[in-house]
N, C-alpha and C. Protein backbone atom coordinates (compact mmCIF):
# COMPACT_ATOMS: atom_id res chain seq x y z
N MET A 1 130.05 79.92 71.71
CA MET A 1 129.63 79.36 72.96
C MET A 1 128.85 80.38 73.80
N LYS A 2 129.35 81.63 73.76
CA LYS A 2 128.70 82.68 74.54
C LYS A 2 127.27 82.93 74.05
N SER A 3 127.05 82.93 72.73
CA SER A 3 125.70 83.15 72.20
C SER A 3 124.78 81.99 72.56
N LYS A 4 125.30 80.78 72.66
CA LYS A 4 124.49 79.63 73.06
C LYS A 4 124.05 79.77 74.52
N SER A 5 124.94 80.25 75.37
CA SER A 5 124.62 80.48 76.78
C SER A 5 123.55 81.55 76.92
N ILE A 6 123.66 82.61 76.12
CA ILE A 6 122.67 83.68 76.16
C ILE A 6 121.31 83.16 75.70
N LEU A 7 121.31 82.34 74.65
CA LEU A 7 120.07 81.76 74.14
C LEU A 7 119.43 80.87 75.20
N ILE A 8 120.20 80.05 75.84
CA ILE A 8 119.68 79.15 76.88
C ILE A 8 119.12 79.96 78.05
N ALA A 9 119.84 80.99 78.47
CA ALA A 9 119.37 81.85 79.56
C ALA A 9 118.08 82.56 79.18
N SER A 10 117.98 83.03 77.95
CA SER A 10 116.77 83.71 77.47
C SER A 10 115.58 82.75 77.46
N LEU A 11 115.80 81.55 76.96
CA LEU A 11 114.72 80.55 76.93
C LEU A 11 114.28 80.20 78.35
N PHE A 12 115.22 80.04 79.26
CA PHE A 12 114.88 79.74 80.65
C PHE A 12 114.06 80.87 81.26
N ALA A 13 114.46 82.11 81.03
CA ALA A 13 113.73 83.26 81.56
C ALA A 13 112.31 83.30 81.00
N MET A 14 112.16 83.01 79.71
CA MET A 14 110.84 83.02 79.08
C MET A 14 109.96 81.92 79.67
N LEU A 15 110.50 80.72 79.85
CA LEU A 15 109.73 79.62 80.44
C LEU A 15 109.35 79.93 81.88
N LEU A 16 110.24 80.53 82.64
CA LEU A 16 109.94 80.90 84.01
C LEU A 16 108.82 81.94 84.06
N ALA A 17 108.86 82.92 83.17
CA ALA A 17 107.81 83.94 83.12
C ALA A 17 106.46 83.31 82.76
N MET A 18 106.45 82.38 81.81
CA MET A 18 105.21 81.71 81.42
C MET A 18 104.67 80.87 82.57
N ALA A 19 105.52 80.17 83.29
CA ALA A 19 105.09 79.36 84.43
C ALA A 19 104.53 80.23 85.54
N THR A 20 105.17 81.35 85.80
CA THR A 20 104.70 82.28 86.83
C THR A 20 103.33 82.82 86.46
N ALA A 21 103.13 83.20 85.20
CA ALA A 21 101.83 83.70 84.75
C ALA A 21 100.76 82.62 84.88
N ALA A 22 101.08 81.39 84.55
CA ALA A 22 100.11 80.29 84.65
C ALA A 22 99.70 80.05 86.10
N VAL A 23 100.67 80.11 87.03
CA VAL A 23 100.35 79.93 88.45
C VAL A 23 99.48 81.07 88.93
N ALA A 24 99.78 82.30 88.55
CA ALA A 24 98.98 83.46 88.96
C ALA A 24 97.55 83.34 88.44
N GLN A 25 97.41 82.90 87.19
CA GLN A 25 96.07 82.77 86.62
C GLN A 25 95.30 81.65 87.29
N SER A 26 95.94 80.54 87.62
CA SER A 26 95.23 79.44 88.26
C SER A 26 94.73 79.83 89.64
N LYS A 27 95.36 80.82 90.27
CA LYS A 27 94.90 81.30 91.57
C LYS A 27 93.59 82.08 91.45
N ILE A 28 93.21 82.46 90.26
CA ILE A 28 91.94 83.15 90.02
C ILE A 28 90.80 82.14 89.97
N ASP A 29 91.09 80.91 89.58
CA ASP A 29 90.06 79.87 89.44
C ASP A 29 89.32 79.65 90.75
N GLY A 30 88.02 79.40 90.64
CA GLY A 30 87.22 79.07 91.82
C GLY A 30 85.96 79.89 91.89
N ASN A 31 85.30 79.80 93.03
CA ASN A 31 84.06 80.54 93.27
C ASN A 31 84.32 81.79 94.09
N TRP A 32 83.64 82.85 93.72
CA TRP A 32 83.79 84.14 94.36
C TRP A 32 82.41 84.66 94.76
N GLU A 33 82.32 85.27 95.95
CA GLU A 33 81.09 85.90 96.40
C GLU A 33 81.12 87.35 95.91
N MET A 34 80.26 87.64 94.94
CA MET A 34 80.27 88.92 94.24
C MET A 34 79.16 89.83 94.77
N SER A 35 79.46 91.11 94.94
CA SER A 35 78.48 92.09 95.43
C SER A 35 78.54 93.35 94.58
N MET A 36 77.36 93.96 94.38
CA MET A 36 77.28 95.28 93.76
C MET A 36 75.98 95.94 94.18
N GLN A 37 75.93 97.23 94.01
CA GLN A 37 74.74 97.98 94.38
C GLN A 37 73.70 97.85 93.28
N GLY A 38 72.47 97.53 93.68
CA GLY A 38 71.37 97.40 92.74
C GLY A 38 70.76 98.75 92.38
N ARG A 39 69.75 98.71 91.52
CA ARG A 39 69.12 99.96 91.04
C ARG A 39 68.48 100.76 92.16
N GLN A 40 67.86 100.10 93.14
CA GLN A 40 67.21 100.82 94.24
C GLN A 40 68.16 101.08 95.41
N GLY A 41 69.45 100.88 95.22
CA GLY A 41 70.42 101.15 96.26
C GLY A 41 70.70 99.96 97.16
N ASN A 42 69.98 98.87 96.95
CA ASN A 42 70.24 97.68 97.76
C ASN A 42 71.44 96.92 97.20
N THR A 43 72.09 96.15 98.06
CA THR A 43 73.23 95.35 97.62
C THR A 43 72.75 94.02 97.09
N THR A 44 73.19 93.66 95.88
CA THR A 44 72.86 92.37 95.31
C THR A 44 74.10 91.49 95.38
N THR A 45 73.86 90.20 95.63
CA THR A 45 74.98 89.27 95.70
C THR A 45 74.76 88.14 94.69
N SER A 46 75.87 87.63 94.19
CA SER A 46 75.87 86.54 93.22
C SER A 46 77.10 85.68 93.47
N THR A 47 77.11 84.52 92.86
CA THR A 47 78.30 83.67 92.89
C THR A 47 78.95 83.74 91.52
N LEU A 48 80.19 84.15 91.49
CA LEU A 48 80.98 84.23 90.27
C LEU A 48 81.89 83.01 90.25
N ALA A 49 81.71 82.14 89.26
CA ALA A 49 82.55 80.95 89.09
C ALA A 49 83.52 81.22 87.95
N ILE A 50 84.82 81.10 88.23
CA ILE A 50 85.85 81.42 87.24
C ILE A 50 86.72 80.20 86.98
N LYS A 51 87.03 79.99 85.71
CA LYS A 51 87.99 78.97 85.27
C LYS A 51 88.87 79.62 84.22
N THR A 52 90.18 79.49 84.38
CA THR A 52 91.10 80.06 83.40
C THR A 52 91.79 78.95 82.62
N ASP A 53 92.14 79.28 81.39
CA ASP A 53 92.92 78.40 80.53
C ASP A 53 93.84 79.32 79.73
N GLY A 54 95.08 79.46 80.20
CA GLY A 54 95.97 80.45 79.58
C GLY A 54 95.44 81.84 79.86
N ASN A 55 95.24 82.63 78.81
CA ASN A 55 94.71 83.98 79.01
C ASN A 55 93.20 84.04 78.78
N LYS A 56 92.55 82.89 78.67
CA LYS A 56 91.10 82.84 78.48
C LYS A 56 90.42 82.58 79.82
N LEU A 57 89.30 83.25 80.03
CA LEU A 57 88.52 83.12 81.26
C LEU A 57 87.12 82.67 80.88
N SER A 58 86.60 81.67 81.59
CA SER A 58 85.23 81.22 81.38
C SER A 58 84.57 81.03 82.73
N GLY A 59 83.30 80.72 82.72
CA GLY A 59 82.58 80.50 83.97
C GLY A 59 81.16 80.97 83.88
N SER A 60 80.63 81.40 85.04
CA SER A 60 79.24 81.85 85.08
C SER A 60 79.02 82.76 86.28
N ILE A 61 77.89 83.46 86.23
CA ILE A 61 77.41 84.23 87.37
C ILE A 61 76.05 83.66 87.74
N LYS A 62 75.89 83.30 89.02
CA LYS A 62 74.63 82.72 89.49
C LYS A 62 74.06 83.61 90.58
N GLY A 63 72.83 84.08 90.36
CA GLY A 63 72.19 84.96 91.33
C GLY A 63 70.69 84.81 91.31
N GLN A 64 69.99 85.88 91.67
CA GLN A 64 68.54 85.88 91.76
C GLN A 64 67.86 85.53 90.44
N ARG A 65 68.48 85.90 89.34
CA ARG A 65 67.89 85.66 88.02
C ARG A 65 68.34 84.35 87.39
N GLY A 66 68.99 83.50 88.16
CA GLY A 66 69.47 82.23 87.63
C GLY A 66 70.94 82.30 87.30
N GLU A 67 71.39 81.35 86.49
CA GLU A 67 72.81 81.26 86.14
C GLU A 67 73.02 81.68 84.69
N THR A 68 74.00 82.54 84.47
CA THR A 68 74.31 83.06 83.14
C THR A 68 75.77 82.82 82.84
N PRO A 69 76.08 82.25 81.67
CA PRO A 69 77.49 81.99 81.33
C PRO A 69 78.26 83.27 81.01
N ILE A 70 79.54 83.21 81.25
CA ILE A 70 80.48 84.27 80.90
C ILE A 70 80.94 84.04 79.47
N SER A 71 81.09 85.13 78.71
CA SER A 71 81.67 85.01 77.37
C SER A 71 82.77 86.05 77.21
N ASP A 72 83.59 85.88 76.21
CA ASP A 72 84.66 86.83 75.88
C ASP A 72 85.56 87.15 77.07
N GLY A 73 85.82 86.17 77.93
CA GLY A 73 86.63 86.41 79.12
C GLY A 73 88.12 86.35 78.83
N THR A 74 88.86 87.29 79.44
CA THR A 74 90.31 87.30 79.29
C THR A 74 90.98 87.56 80.64
N VAL A 75 92.23 87.12 80.73
CA VAL A 75 93.07 87.35 81.90
C VAL A 75 94.37 87.93 81.39
N ASP A 76 94.82 89.01 82.03
CA ASP A 76 96.10 89.62 81.70
C ASP A 76 96.79 89.95 83.02
N GLY A 77 97.61 89.02 83.50
CA GLY A 77 98.22 89.19 84.82
C GLY A 77 97.14 89.13 85.88
N ASN A 78 96.96 90.21 86.64
CA ASN A 78 95.90 90.24 87.66
C ASN A 78 94.65 90.98 87.17
N LYS A 79 94.59 91.32 85.90
CA LYS A 79 93.43 92.00 85.31
C LYS A 79 92.53 90.97 84.63
N ILE A 80 91.22 91.07 84.88
CA ILE A 80 90.27 90.19 84.23
C ILE A 80 89.20 91.02 83.54
N SER A 81 88.59 90.45 82.51
CA SER A 81 87.43 91.07 81.88
C SER A 81 86.58 89.97 81.26
N PHE A 82 85.27 90.20 81.23
CA PHE A 82 84.35 89.24 80.66
C PHE A 82 83.01 89.91 80.39
N THR A 83 82.19 89.23 79.61
CA THR A 83 80.87 89.74 79.26
C THR A 83 79.81 88.74 79.68
N VAL A 84 78.68 89.26 80.13
CA VAL A 84 77.51 88.46 80.45
C VAL A 84 76.35 89.04 79.65
N THR A 85 75.62 88.19 78.95
CA THR A 85 74.46 88.65 78.19
C THR A 85 73.22 87.99 78.78
N ARG A 86 72.29 88.83 79.24
CA ARG A 86 71.07 88.34 79.89
C ARG A 86 69.86 88.67 79.02
N GLN A 87 68.87 87.78 79.06
CA GLN A 87 67.60 88.03 78.40
C GLN A 87 66.66 88.63 79.45
N THR A 88 66.11 89.80 79.16
CA THR A 88 65.20 90.48 80.08
C THR A 88 63.86 90.71 79.37
N PRO A 89 62.82 91.11 80.08
CA PRO A 89 61.55 91.44 79.44
C PRO A 89 61.69 92.56 78.40
N ASN A 90 62.73 93.38 78.56
CA ASN A 90 62.98 94.48 77.62
C ASN A 90 63.97 94.11 76.52
N GLY A 91 64.29 92.83 76.41
CA GLY A 91 65.24 92.38 75.39
C GLY A 91 66.58 92.00 76.00
N GLU A 92 67.56 91.83 75.14
CA GLU A 92 68.89 91.40 75.54
C GLU A 92 69.65 92.53 76.24
N MET A 93 70.30 92.20 77.36
CA MET A 93 71.11 93.18 78.09
C MET A 93 72.52 92.64 78.22
N LYS A 94 73.48 93.38 77.70
CA LYS A 94 74.88 92.99 77.75
C LYS A 94 75.59 93.76 78.87
N GLN A 95 76.32 93.03 79.71
CA GLN A 95 77.08 93.63 80.80
C GLN A 95 78.55 93.26 80.60
N THR A 96 79.41 94.28 80.62
CA THR A 96 80.84 94.06 80.43
C THR A 96 81.55 94.36 81.75
N TYR A 97 82.17 93.34 82.31
CA TYR A 97 82.85 93.42 83.59
C TYR A 97 84.36 93.55 83.38
N SER A 98 85.00 94.35 84.22
CA SER A 98 86.46 94.39 84.28
C SER A 98 86.84 94.48 85.75
N GLY A 99 87.98 93.92 86.09
CA GLY A 99 88.38 93.94 87.49
C GLY A 99 89.85 93.62 87.68
N THR A 100 90.30 93.85 88.90
CA THR A 100 91.68 93.58 89.29
C THR A 100 91.65 92.61 90.47
N VAL A 101 92.36 91.51 90.33
CA VAL A 101 92.45 90.50 91.38
C VAL A 101 93.60 90.86 92.30
N ASP A 102 93.32 90.86 93.61
CA ASP A 102 94.34 91.14 94.62
C ASP A 102 94.18 90.08 95.70
N GLY A 103 94.90 88.97 95.55
CA GLY A 103 94.79 87.87 96.51
C GLY A 103 93.41 87.25 96.46
N ASP A 104 92.68 87.33 97.57
CA ASP A 104 91.34 86.75 97.66
C ASP A 104 90.24 87.79 97.44
N ASN A 105 90.58 88.90 96.79
CA ASN A 105 89.62 89.97 96.52
C ASN A 105 89.70 90.41 95.06
N ILE A 106 88.57 90.83 94.54
CA ILE A 106 88.52 91.44 93.21
C ILE A 106 87.71 92.72 93.33
N LYS A 107 88.18 93.79 92.69
CA LYS A 107 87.44 95.04 92.60
C LYS A 107 87.35 95.40 91.14
N GLY A 108 86.17 95.88 90.73
CA GLY A 108 86.04 96.23 89.33
C GLY A 108 84.81 97.07 89.04
N THR A 109 84.55 97.24 87.77
CA THR A 109 83.36 97.96 87.31
C THR A 109 82.64 97.10 86.28
N VAL A 110 81.35 97.32 86.18
CA VAL A 110 80.54 96.67 85.16
C VAL A 110 79.85 97.76 84.35
N GLN A 111 79.95 97.65 83.05
CA GLN A 111 79.34 98.61 82.14
C GLN A 111 78.05 97.99 81.62
N MET A 112 76.93 98.69 81.80
CA MET A 112 75.62 98.22 81.35
C MET A 112 75.00 99.33 80.52
N GLY A 113 75.18 99.26 79.22
CA GLY A 113 74.71 100.35 78.37
C GLY A 113 75.48 101.61 78.70
N GLU A 114 74.76 102.67 79.03
CA GLU A 114 75.40 103.94 79.37
C GLU A 114 75.72 104.05 80.86
N ASN A 115 75.31 103.06 81.64
CA ASN A 115 75.52 103.09 83.09
C ASN A 115 76.67 102.16 83.48
N SER A 116 77.32 102.50 84.59
CA SER A 116 78.33 101.61 85.14
C SER A 116 78.18 101.57 86.65
N ARG A 117 78.62 100.47 87.22
CA ARG A 117 78.59 100.28 88.67
C ARG A 117 79.89 99.61 89.10
N ASP A 118 80.26 99.83 90.34
CA ASP A 118 81.39 99.14 90.93
C ASP A 118 80.93 97.78 91.44
N TRP A 119 81.83 96.81 91.42
CA TRP A 119 81.54 95.51 92.00
C TRP A 119 82.77 95.01 92.73
N THR A 120 82.54 94.14 93.69
CA THR A 120 83.61 93.52 94.45
C THR A 120 83.32 92.03 94.56
N ALA A 121 84.34 91.26 94.83
CA ALA A 121 84.18 89.83 95.06
C ALA A 121 85.23 89.35 96.05
N LYS A 122 84.83 88.42 96.86
CA LYS A 122 85.74 87.76 97.80
C LYS A 122 85.72 86.27 97.49
N ARG A 123 86.88 85.65 97.57
CA ARG A 123 86.95 84.21 97.33
C ARG A 123 86.03 83.50 98.30
N ALA A 124 85.20 82.60 97.79
CA ALA A 124 84.28 81.84 98.62
C ALA A 124 85.04 80.80 99.44
N ALA A 125 84.56 80.54 100.62
CA ALA A 125 85.18 79.51 101.47
C ALA A 125 85.06 78.16 100.79
N GLN A 126 86.11 77.39 100.88
CA GLN A 126 86.13 76.07 100.23
C GLN A 126 85.41 75.04 101.04
């Protein structure tokens, strides 16, 4: 009987942890106002649209160059990462983003070839 109680308690704890993770991830969903410093030192802004499904992240970034889909997106607690591949006059450019979600803010870095930049995002008003 004691082992059955332990098994039930363990299953309950596991289900509670999974539900908590799902709620935390769903809080990432939505539109975010994203900013980063451009090549000439000016600040560029974009709209980051995020949708989560379990530990998978999808969406797009929409800015001056149009809208580009997110690929290879993942969520691990409050950590996110994703890739954006853009077509430029110089060929394909891959950007790998990583960040930490803290309530209505995200802070992270984007790796572009040998260069990296910091980026931030604030949840867009609904």
